[in-house]
Amino acid sequence: MGASAESLENLPVTLREHLAVVSPTDTEALLEQCGIEVPVKLFQVLMISGWYGIKGK
């Protein structure tokens, strides 16, 4: 079980190519562009954030 030596060696490349890190300001702007009128950040744990919003009519 666990990660193989090869997958651990490739981890930095995998994260760089597949993980998108978006700032809270950019995330809020993206939500607003999608029609969420007042996005509210509910929580943040390390780099994971939870947002709440109601789409406008």
N, C-alpha and C. Protein backbone atom coordinates (compact mmCIF):
# COMPACT_ATOMS: atom_id res chain seq x y z
N MET A 1 0.83 -1.18 0.00
CA MET A 1 0.00 0.00 0.00
C MET A 1 0.88 1.25 0.00
N GLY A 2 0.25 2.37 -0.29
CA GLY A 2 0.99 3.62 -0.30
C GLY A 2 1.48 3.95 -1.69
N ALA A 3 2.28 4.97 -1.77
CA ALA A 3 2.79 5.44 -3.05
C ALA A 3 4.08 4.72 -3.41
N SER A 4 4.24 4.50 -4.69
CA SER A 4 5.48 3.88 -5.15
C SER A 4 6.58 4.94 -5.17
N ALA A 5 7.81 4.49 -5.21
CA ALA A 5 8.94 5.41 -5.26
C ALA A 5 8.86 6.28 -6.52
N GLU A 6 8.43 5.68 -7.62
CA GLU A 6 8.30 6.43 -8.88
C GLU A 6 7.23 7.52 -8.79
N SER A 7 6.08 7.19 -8.20
CA SER A 7 5.02 8.20 -8.10
C SER A 7 5.42 9.33 -7.16
N LEU A 8 6.17 9.03 -6.11
CA LEU A 8 6.66 10.08 -5.21
C LEU A 8 7.68 10.96 -5.92
N GLU A 9 8.50 10.35 -6.75
CA GLU A 9 9.50 11.11 -7.49
C GLU A 9 8.83 12.06 -8.49
N ASN A 10 7.71 11.62 -9.08
CA ASN A 10 7.00 12.43 -10.07
C ASN A 10 5.99 13.39 -9.45
N LEU A 11 5.83 13.37 -8.14
CA LEU A 11 4.80 14.17 -7.48
C LEU A 11 4.90 15.67 -7.79
N PRO A 12 6.06 16.30 -7.71
CA PRO A 12 6.12 17.74 -8.02
C PRO A 12 5.60 18.08 -9.42
N VAL A 13 5.95 17.26 -10.40
CA VAL A 13 5.50 17.50 -11.78
C VAL A 13 3.99 17.29 -11.87
N THR A 14 3.50 16.23 -11.25
CA THR A 14 2.07 15.93 -11.28
C THR A 14 1.27 17.07 -10.65
N LEU A 15 1.70 17.56 -9.51
CA LEU A 15 0.99 18.66 -8.85
C LEU A 15 1.03 19.93 -9.69
N ARG A 16 2.18 20.22 -10.28
CA ARG A 16 2.32 21.43 -11.08
C ARG A 16 1.42 21.38 -12.32
N GLU A 17 1.25 20.20 -12.91
CA GLU A 17 0.47 20.07 -14.15
C GLU A 17 -1.02 19.90 -13.91
N HIS A 18 -1.43 19.40 -12.74
CA HIS A 18 -2.83 19.04 -12.52
C HIS A 18 -3.54 19.80 -11.41
N LEU A 19 -2.81 20.55 -10.63
CA LEU A 19 -3.41 21.26 -9.51
C LEU A 19 -3.46 22.75 -9.81
N ALA A 20 -4.66 23.30 -9.78
CA ALA A 20 -4.81 24.74 -10.01
C ALA A 20 -4.98 25.44 -8.67
N VAL A 21 -4.11 26.38 -8.40
CA VAL A 21 -4.22 27.17 -7.19
C VAL A 21 -4.74 28.55 -7.60
N VAL A 22 -5.91 28.89 -7.08
CA VAL A 22 -6.56 30.15 -7.42
C VAL A 22 -6.71 30.96 -6.14
N SER A 23 -6.33 32.20 -6.19
CA SER A 23 -6.42 33.05 -5.00
C SER A 23 -7.88 33.27 -4.60
N PRO A 24 -8.14 33.59 -3.34
CA PRO A 24 -9.51 33.87 -2.92
C PRO A 24 -10.15 35.01 -3.72
N THR A 25 -9.38 36.03 -4.05
CA THR A 25 -9.90 37.14 -4.83
C THR A 25 -10.32 36.68 -6.23
N ASP A 26 -9.48 35.87 -6.86
CA ASP A 26 -9.82 35.34 -8.19
C ASP A 26 -11.00 34.38 -8.13
N THR A 27 -11.05 33.57 -7.07
CA THR A 27 -12.18 32.64 -6.90
C THR A 27 -13.48 33.41 -6.77
N GLU A 28 -13.47 34.46 -5.97
CA GLU A 28 -14.67 35.28 -5.79
C GLU A 28 -15.09 35.90 -7.13
N ALA A 29 -14.13 36.40 -7.89
CA ALA A 29 -14.43 37.00 -9.19
C ALA A 29 -15.02 35.96 -10.15
N LEU A 30 -14.47 34.74 -10.14
CA LEU A 30 -15.00 33.68 -11.00
C LEU A 30 -16.43 33.33 -10.63
N LEU A 31 -16.71 33.24 -9.33
CA LEU A 31 -18.07 32.95 -8.88
C LEU A 31 -19.04 34.06 -9.31
N GLU A 32 -18.61 35.30 -9.19
CA GLU A 32 -19.45 36.43 -9.60
C GLU A 32 -19.70 36.39 -11.11
N GLN A 33 -18.70 36.02 -11.89
CA GLN A 33 -18.86 35.89 -13.34
C GLN A 33 -19.88 34.81 -13.70
N CYS A 34 -20.02 33.81 -12.83
CA CYS A 34 -20.97 32.72 -13.06
C CYS A 34 -22.37 33.05 -12.56
N GLY A 35 -22.56 34.25 -12.05
CA GLY A 35 -23.88 34.67 -11.62
C GLY A 35 -24.14 34.59 -10.13
N ILE A 36 -23.14 34.24 -9.34
CA ILE A 36 -23.29 34.24 -7.89
C ILE A 36 -23.13 35.69 -7.44
N GLU A 37 -24.21 36.27 -6.93
CA GLU A 37 -24.19 37.70 -6.63
C GLU A 37 -23.31 38.08 -5.45
N VAL A 38 -23.38 37.31 -4.37
CA VAL A 38 -22.57 37.62 -3.18
C VAL A 38 -21.91 36.33 -2.69
N PRO A 39 -20.76 35.95 -3.25
CA PRO A 39 -20.08 34.75 -2.78
C PRO A 39 -19.57 34.95 -1.35
N VAL A 40 -19.76 33.95 -0.53
CA VAL A 40 -19.34 34.01 0.87
C VAL A 40 -18.38 32.85 1.14
N LYS A 41 -17.20 33.18 1.60
CA LYS A 41 -16.23 32.14 1.96
C LYS A 41 -16.60 31.59 3.33
N LEU A 42 -16.93 30.29 3.37
CA LEU A 42 -17.38 29.67 4.62
C LEU A 42 -16.23 29.19 5.49
N PHE A 43 -15.23 28.60 4.86
CA PHE A 43 -14.12 28.07 5.65
C PHE A 43 -12.89 27.93 4.77
N GLN A 44 -11.75 27.77 5.43
CA GLN A 44 -10.52 27.45 4.73
C GLN A 44 -9.68 26.57 5.63
N VAL A 45 -9.20 25.47 5.06
CA VAL A 45 -8.28 24.57 5.74
C VAL A 45 -7.10 24.38 4.80
N LEU A 46 -5.96 24.87 5.23
CA LEU A 46 -4.76 24.89 4.38
C LEU A 46 -5.09 25.61 3.08
N MET A 47 -5.08 24.90 1.95
CA MET A 47 -5.34 25.55 0.66
C MET A 47 -6.71 25.20 0.10
N ILE A 48 -7.58 24.63 0.90
CA ILE A 48 -8.92 24.25 0.45
C ILE A 48 -9.93 25.19 1.07
N SER A 49 -10.74 25.82 0.23
CA SER A 49 -11.75 26.76 0.71
C SER A 49 -13.15 26.28 0.32
N GLY A 50 -14.09 26.60 1.15
CA GLY A 50 -15.49 26.33 0.85
C GLY A 50 -16.24 27.65 0.68
N TRP A 51 -17.04 27.74 -0.36
CA TRP A 51 -17.77 28.97 -0.67
C TRP A 51 -19.25 28.67 -0.72
N TYR A 52 -20.06 29.70 -0.45
CA TYR A 52 -21.50 29.61 -0.50
C TYR A 52 -22.01 30.81 -1.30
N GLY A 53 -23.04 30.59 -2.06
CA GLY A 53 -23.64 31.70 -2.79
C GLY A 53 -24.94 31.28 -3.43
N ILE A 54 -25.75 32.26 -3.76
CA ILE A 54 -27.02 32.01 -4.44
C ILE A 54 -26.95 32.69 -5.79
N LYS A 55 -27.26 31.92 -6.82
CA LYS A 55 -27.20 32.46 -8.18
C LYS A 55 -28.34 33.46 -8.38
N GLY A 56 -27.99 34.61 -8.95
CA GLY A 56 -28.98 35.64 -9.23
C GLY A 56 -29.94 35.22 -10.30
N LYS A 57 -31.03 35.97 -10.42
CA LYS A 57 -32.06 35.62 -11.39
C LYS A 57 -31.85 36.29 -12.70
